[in-house]
């Protein structure tokens, strides 16, 4: 349920009212009792997500999480051997280049 801001045109009394969207707009000021109450247009509120349950990974089964960990560990170990192979090939390519001769 939203919170609405109201202000009386007669006495200037301003307040917030927590009411349902389907409720009618209030017209009578609680301070002066006159029918000069106006509902103000608010800037709105941002949506705030607190707690768990907002990410797809929060709902995953334990079997899925286990398989994902295994896949990550095998891919990370595979990446380290690939990077080692690349560094070895760079060393080999440097050693195969001819050095310029000095006269």
N, C-alpha and C. Protein backbone atom coordinates (compact mmCIF):
# COMPACT_ATOMS: atom_id res chain seq x y z
N UNK A 1 0.84 -1.18 0.00
CA UNK A 1 0.00 0.00 0.00
C UNK A 1 0.89 1.24 0.00
N UNK A 2 0.54 2.20 -0.81
CA UNK A 2 1.37 3.41 -0.90
C UNK A 2 1.07 4.43 0.21
N UNK A 3 2.00 5.32 0.38
CA UNK A 3 1.85 6.44 1.30
C UNK A 3 1.60 7.68 0.47
N UNK A 4 0.54 8.41 0.79
CA UNK A 4 0.18 9.62 0.05
C UNK A 4 0.46 10.85 0.92
N UNK A 5 0.88 11.92 0.27
CA UNK A 5 1.09 13.20 0.94
C UNK A 5 -0.15 14.05 0.73
N UNK A 6 -0.59 14.68 1.79
CA UNK A 6 -1.75 15.58 1.74
C UNK A 6 -1.35 16.91 2.34
N UNK A 7 -2.00 17.99 1.85
CA UNK A 7 -1.78 19.31 2.40
C UNK A 7 -3.10 20.09 2.35
N UNK A 8 -3.40 20.79 3.42
CA UNK A 8 -4.62 21.59 3.50
C UNK A 8 -4.34 22.96 2.88
N UNK A 9 -5.24 23.39 1.99
CA UNK A 9 -5.10 24.71 1.36
C UNK A 9 -5.47 25.83 2.33
N UNK A 10 -6.26 25.51 3.33
CA UNK A 10 -6.73 26.52 4.27
C UNK A 10 -5.71 26.82 5.36
N UNK A 11 -5.30 25.77 6.10
CA UNK A 11 -4.40 25.99 7.25
C UNK A 11 -2.95 25.63 6.95
N UNK A 12 -2.69 24.95 5.83
CA UNK A 12 -1.32 24.59 5.46
C UNK A 12 -0.81 23.32 6.12
N UNK A 13 -1.65 22.65 6.88
CA UNK A 13 -1.24 21.40 7.55
C UNK A 13 -0.88 20.35 6.49
N UNK A 14 0.30 19.73 6.63
CA UNK A 14 0.75 18.69 5.70
C UNK A 14 1.01 17.41 6.47
N UNK A 15 0.66 16.29 5.88
CA UNK A 15 0.87 15.00 6.52
C UNK A 15 0.88 13.90 5.48
N UNK A 16 1.34 12.73 5.90
CA UNK A 16 1.35 11.54 5.06
C UNK A 16 0.26 10.59 5.53
N UNK A 17 -0.37 9.91 4.58
CA UNK A 17 -1.41 8.96 4.92
C UNK A 17 -1.15 7.65 4.19
N UNK A 18 -1.11 6.58 4.94
CA UNK A 18 -0.89 5.24 4.40
C UNK A 18 -2.25 4.64 4.08
N UNK A 19 -2.57 4.52 2.79
CA UNK A 19 -3.88 4.02 2.40
C UNK A 19 -3.80 3.21 1.12
N UNK A 20 -4.84 2.42 0.87
CA UNK A 20 -4.88 1.60 -0.33
C UNK A 20 -5.11 2.48 -1.56
N UNK A 21 -4.70 1.96 -2.71
CA UNK A 21 -4.88 2.71 -3.95
C UNK A 21 -6.36 2.86 -4.28
N UNK A 22 -7.18 1.91 -3.87
CA UNK A 22 -8.61 1.94 -4.17
C UNK A 22 -9.38 2.87 -3.24
N UNK A 23 -8.76 3.33 -2.13
CA UNK A 23 -9.44 4.26 -1.22
C UNK A 23 -9.66 5.61 -1.89
N UNK A 24 -10.72 6.28 -1.50
CA UNK A 24 -11.01 7.59 -2.07
C UNK A 24 -10.05 8.64 -1.51
N UNK A 25 -9.89 9.72 -2.27
CA UNK A 25 -9.02 10.82 -1.86
C UNK A 25 -9.68 11.52 -0.68
N UNK A 26 -8.90 11.78 0.37
CA UNK A 26 -9.43 12.47 1.56
C UNK A 26 -9.61 13.94 1.23
N UNK A 27 -10.69 14.53 1.76
CA UNK A 27 -10.98 15.93 1.48
C UNK A 27 -11.03 16.78 2.74
N UNK A 28 -11.26 16.16 3.90
CA UNK A 28 -11.41 16.91 5.14
C UNK A 28 -10.09 16.94 5.91
N UNK A 29 -9.65 18.14 6.26
CA UNK A 29 -8.40 18.32 7.01
C UNK A 29 -8.61 17.88 8.45
N UNK A 30 -7.69 17.06 9.01
CA UNK A 30 -7.83 16.63 10.40
C UNK A 30 -7.53 17.76 11.40
N UNK A 31 -6.86 18.81 10.98
CA UNK A 31 -6.51 19.92 11.88
C UNK A 31 -7.64 20.95 11.98
N UNK A 32 -8.03 21.52 10.82
CA UNK A 32 -9.02 22.59 10.84
C UNK A 32 -10.44 22.10 10.54
N UNK A 33 -10.58 20.90 9.98
CA UNK A 33 -11.89 20.32 9.70
C UNK A 33 -12.55 20.82 8.43
N UNK A 34 -11.86 21.64 7.65
CA UNK A 34 -12.44 22.17 6.42
C UNK A 34 -12.16 21.23 5.26
N UNK A 35 -12.98 21.33 4.23
CA UNK A 35 -12.86 20.47 3.05
C UNK A 35 -11.90 21.06 2.02
N UNK A 36 -10.71 21.38 2.44
CA UNK A 36 -9.70 22.00 1.58
C UNK A 36 -8.44 21.15 1.44
N UNK A 37 -8.55 19.87 1.68
CA UNK A 37 -7.40 18.97 1.63
C UNK A 37 -7.10 18.58 0.20
N UNK A 38 -5.83 18.57 -0.14
CA UNK A 38 -5.41 18.22 -1.49
C UNK A 38 -4.32 17.16 -1.42
N UNK A 39 -4.46 16.14 -2.25
CA UNK A 39 -3.43 15.10 -2.31
C UNK A 39 -2.32 15.59 -3.23
N UNK A 40 -1.10 15.54 -2.76
CA UNK A 40 0.05 16.03 -3.51
C UNK A 40 0.63 14.92 -4.38
N UNK A 41 1.25 15.31 -5.45
CA UNK A 41 1.93 14.36 -6.33
C UNK A 41 3.33 14.16 -5.79
N UNK A 42 3.63 12.93 -5.45
CA UNK A 42 4.94 12.61 -4.89
C UNK A 42 5.93 12.20 -5.96
N UNK A 43 7.18 12.17 -5.57
CA UNK A 43 8.23 11.77 -6.51
C UNK A 43 8.31 10.26 -6.65
N UNK A 44 7.60 9.55 -5.80
CA UNK A 44 7.66 8.09 -5.86
C UNK A 44 8.83 7.58 -5.05
N UNK A 45 8.86 6.31 -4.88
CA UNK A 45 9.93 5.69 -4.10
C UNK A 45 10.62 4.65 -4.95
N UNK A 46 11.90 4.50 -4.74
CA UNK A 46 12.65 3.48 -5.44
C UNK A 46 12.33 2.11 -4.89
N UNK A 47 12.48 1.13 -5.70
CA UNK A 47 12.23 -0.24 -5.25
C UNK A 47 13.49 -0.73 -4.54
N UNK A 48 13.29 -1.27 -3.36
CA UNK A 48 14.42 -1.77 -2.58
C UNK A 48 14.25 -3.27 -2.38
N UNK A 49 15.25 -4.02 -2.77
CA UNK A 49 15.25 -5.46 -2.61
C UNK A 49 16.17 -5.79 -1.45
N UNK A 50 15.60 -6.38 -0.41
CA UNK A 50 16.41 -6.75 0.75
C UNK A 50 16.28 -8.24 0.97
N UNK A 51 17.35 -8.86 1.39
CA UNK A 51 17.33 -10.28 1.70
C UNK A 51 17.66 -11.13 0.50
N UNK A 52 17.57 -12.43 0.68
CA UNK A 52 17.90 -13.34 -0.41
C UNK A 52 16.66 -13.64 -1.24
N UNK A 53 16.86 -14.27 -2.38
CA UNK A 53 15.74 -14.68 -3.20
C UNK A 53 15.56 -13.85 -4.45
N UNK A 54 16.50 -12.96 -4.76
CA UNK A 54 16.33 -12.10 -5.92
C UNK A 54 17.24 -12.48 -7.08
N UNK A 55 18.06 -13.49 -6.91
CA UNK A 55 18.94 -13.91 -7.97
C UNK A 55 18.63 -15.35 -8.32
N UNK A 56 18.82 -15.69 -9.57
CA UNK A 56 18.50 -17.06 -9.99
C UNK A 56 19.36 -18.09 -9.28
N UNK A 57 20.55 -17.69 -8.85
CA UNK A 57 21.43 -18.64 -8.15
C UNK A 57 20.92 -18.96 -6.75
N UNK A 58 20.03 -18.13 -6.21
CA UNK A 58 19.47 -18.41 -4.90
C UNK A 58 18.54 -19.61 -4.93
N UNK A 59 18.01 -19.95 -6.08
CA UNK A 59 17.05 -21.03 -6.19
C UNK A 59 17.65 -22.32 -6.73
N UNK A 60 18.92 -22.34 -6.99
CA UNK A 60 19.54 -23.51 -7.58
C UNK A 60 19.63 -24.66 -6.58
N UNK A 61 19.54 -25.86 -7.11
CA UNK A 61 19.65 -27.04 -6.26
C UNK A 61 21.11 -27.26 -5.88
N UNK A 62 21.31 -28.06 -4.86
CA UNK A 62 22.68 -28.33 -4.42
C UNK A 62 23.45 -29.12 -5.48
N UNK A 63 22.74 -29.98 -6.25
CA UNK A 63 23.40 -30.74 -7.32
C UNK A 63 23.91 -29.79 -8.41
N UNK A 64 23.12 -28.77 -8.74
CA UNK A 64 23.54 -27.80 -9.76
C UNK A 64 24.77 -27.04 -9.28
N UNK A 65 24.74 -26.61 -8.01
CA UNK A 65 25.87 -25.86 -7.47
C UNK A 65 27.14 -26.71 -7.47
N UNK A 66 27.00 -28.01 -7.14
CA UNK A 66 28.14 -28.92 -7.12
C UNK A 66 28.72 -29.07 -8.52
N UNK A 67 27.85 -29.28 -9.52
CA UNK A 67 28.31 -29.44 -10.90
C UNK A 67 28.99 -28.16 -11.39
N UNK A 68 28.45 -27.02 -11.02
CA UNK A 68 29.03 -25.75 -11.45
C UNK A 68 30.42 -25.56 -10.85
N UNK A 69 30.59 -25.91 -9.57
CA UNK A 69 31.91 -25.80 -8.94
C UNK A 69 32.92 -26.71 -9.62
N UNK A 70 32.49 -27.92 -9.96
CA UNK A 70 33.39 -28.86 -10.64
C UNK A 70 33.77 -28.33 -12.02
N UNK A 71 32.81 -27.78 -12.73
CA UNK A 71 33.09 -27.24 -14.06
C UNK A 71 34.05 -26.06 -13.98
N UNK A 72 33.85 -25.19 -12.97
CA UNK A 72 34.74 -24.04 -12.81
C UNK A 72 36.15 -24.47 -12.45
N UNK A 73 36.27 -25.46 -11.58
CA UNK A 73 37.60 -25.90 -11.18
C UNK A 73 38.33 -26.57 -12.34
N UNK A 74 37.61 -27.33 -13.17
CA UNK A 74 38.28 -27.97 -14.30
C UNK A 74 38.63 -26.94 -15.38
N UNK A 75 37.80 -25.94 -15.57
CA UNK A 75 38.11 -24.93 -16.59
C UNK A 75 39.24 -24.03 -16.11
N UNK A 76 39.30 -23.73 -14.81
CA UNK A 76 40.39 -22.88 -14.31
C UNK A 76 41.72 -23.62 -14.38
N UNK A 77 41.72 -24.92 -14.12
CA UNK A 77 42.98 -25.67 -14.22
C UNK A 77 43.37 -25.82 -15.69
N UNK A 78 42.39 -25.92 -16.56
CA UNK A 78 42.66 -25.99 -18.00
C UNK A 78 43.21 -24.68 -18.51
N UNK A 79 42.73 -23.57 -17.99
CA UNK A 79 43.23 -22.26 -18.40
C UNK A 79 44.66 -22.05 -17.96
N UNK A 80 45.05 -22.55 -16.79
CA UNK A 80 46.41 -22.35 -16.32
C UNK A 80 47.39 -23.16 -17.18
N UNK A 81 47.00 -24.36 -17.62
CA UNK A 81 47.90 -25.13 -18.47
C UNK A 81 47.99 -24.51 -19.85
N UNK A 82 46.89 -23.93 -20.33
CA UNK A 82 46.92 -23.26 -21.64
C UNK A 82 47.82 -22.03 -21.59
N UNK A 83 47.74 -21.27 -20.49
CA UNK A 83 48.58 -20.08 -20.39
C UNK A 83 50.05 -20.48 -20.28
N UNK A 84 50.34 -21.61 -19.62
CA UNK A 84 51.71 -22.09 -19.52
C UNK A 84 52.22 -22.51 -20.91
N UNK A 85 51.36 -23.14 -21.70
CA UNK A 85 51.74 -23.54 -23.05
C UNK A 85 52.04 -22.31 -23.91
N UNK A 86 51.22 -21.27 -23.75
CA UNK A 86 51.43 -20.04 -24.54
C UNK A 86 52.76 -19.39 -24.17
N UNK A 87 53.07 -19.34 -22.87
CA UNK A 87 54.33 -18.72 -22.46
C UNK A 87 55.52 -19.55 -22.95
N UNK A 88 55.39 -20.89 -22.98
CA UNK A 88 56.45 -21.74 -23.50
C UNK A 88 56.63 -21.51 -24.99
N UNK A 89 55.55 -21.36 -25.72
CA UNK A 89 55.66 -21.15 -27.17
C UNK A 89 56.29 -19.79 -27.46
N UNK A 90 56.04 -18.79 -26.61
CA UNK A 90 56.66 -17.48 -26.80
C UNK A 90 58.17 -17.58 -26.58
N UNK A 91 58.57 -18.35 -25.58
CA UNK A 91 60.00 -18.53 -25.31
C UNK A 91 60.68 -19.22 -26.48
N UNK A 92 60.00 -20.24 -27.04
CA UNK A 92 60.57 -20.97 -28.17
C UNK A 92 60.70 -20.07 -29.38
N UNK A 93 59.68 -19.25 -29.64
CA UNK A 93 59.73 -18.39 -30.82
C UNK A 93 60.85 -17.36 -30.68
N UNK A 94 61.13 -16.90 -29.46
CA UNK A 94 62.22 -15.96 -29.26
C UNK A 94 63.57 -16.64 -29.47
N UNK A 95 63.69 -17.89 -29.05
CA UNK A 95 64.98 -18.57 -29.18
C UNK A 95 65.25 -18.96 -30.64
N UNK A 96 64.20 -19.12 -31.47
CA UNK A 96 64.37 -19.49 -32.87
C UNK A 96 64.70 -18.30 -33.76
N UNK A 97 64.54 -17.10 -33.27
CA UNK A 97 64.86 -15.94 -34.12
C UNK A 97 66.35 -15.79 -34.20
N UNK A 98 66.83 -15.53 -35.41
CA UNK A 98 68.29 -15.36 -35.56
C UNK A 98 68.75 -14.06 -34.96
N UNK A 99 69.94 -14.12 -34.35
CA UNK A 99 70.52 -12.90 -33.76
C UNK A 99 71.36 -12.23 -34.83
N UNK A 100 71.32 -10.95 -34.89
CA UNK A 100 72.13 -10.25 -35.90
C UNK A 100 73.62 -10.41 -35.62
N UNK A 101 74.38 -10.61 -36.69
CA UNK A 101 75.83 -10.79 -36.54
C UNK A 101 76.52 -9.44 -36.53
N UNK A 102 77.54 -9.34 -35.68
CA UNK A 102 78.30 -8.11 -35.62
C UNK A 102 79.54 -8.28 -36.49
N UNK A 103 79.85 -7.30 -37.26
CA UNK A 103 81.02 -7.38 -38.14
C UNK A 103 82.23 -6.78 -37.53
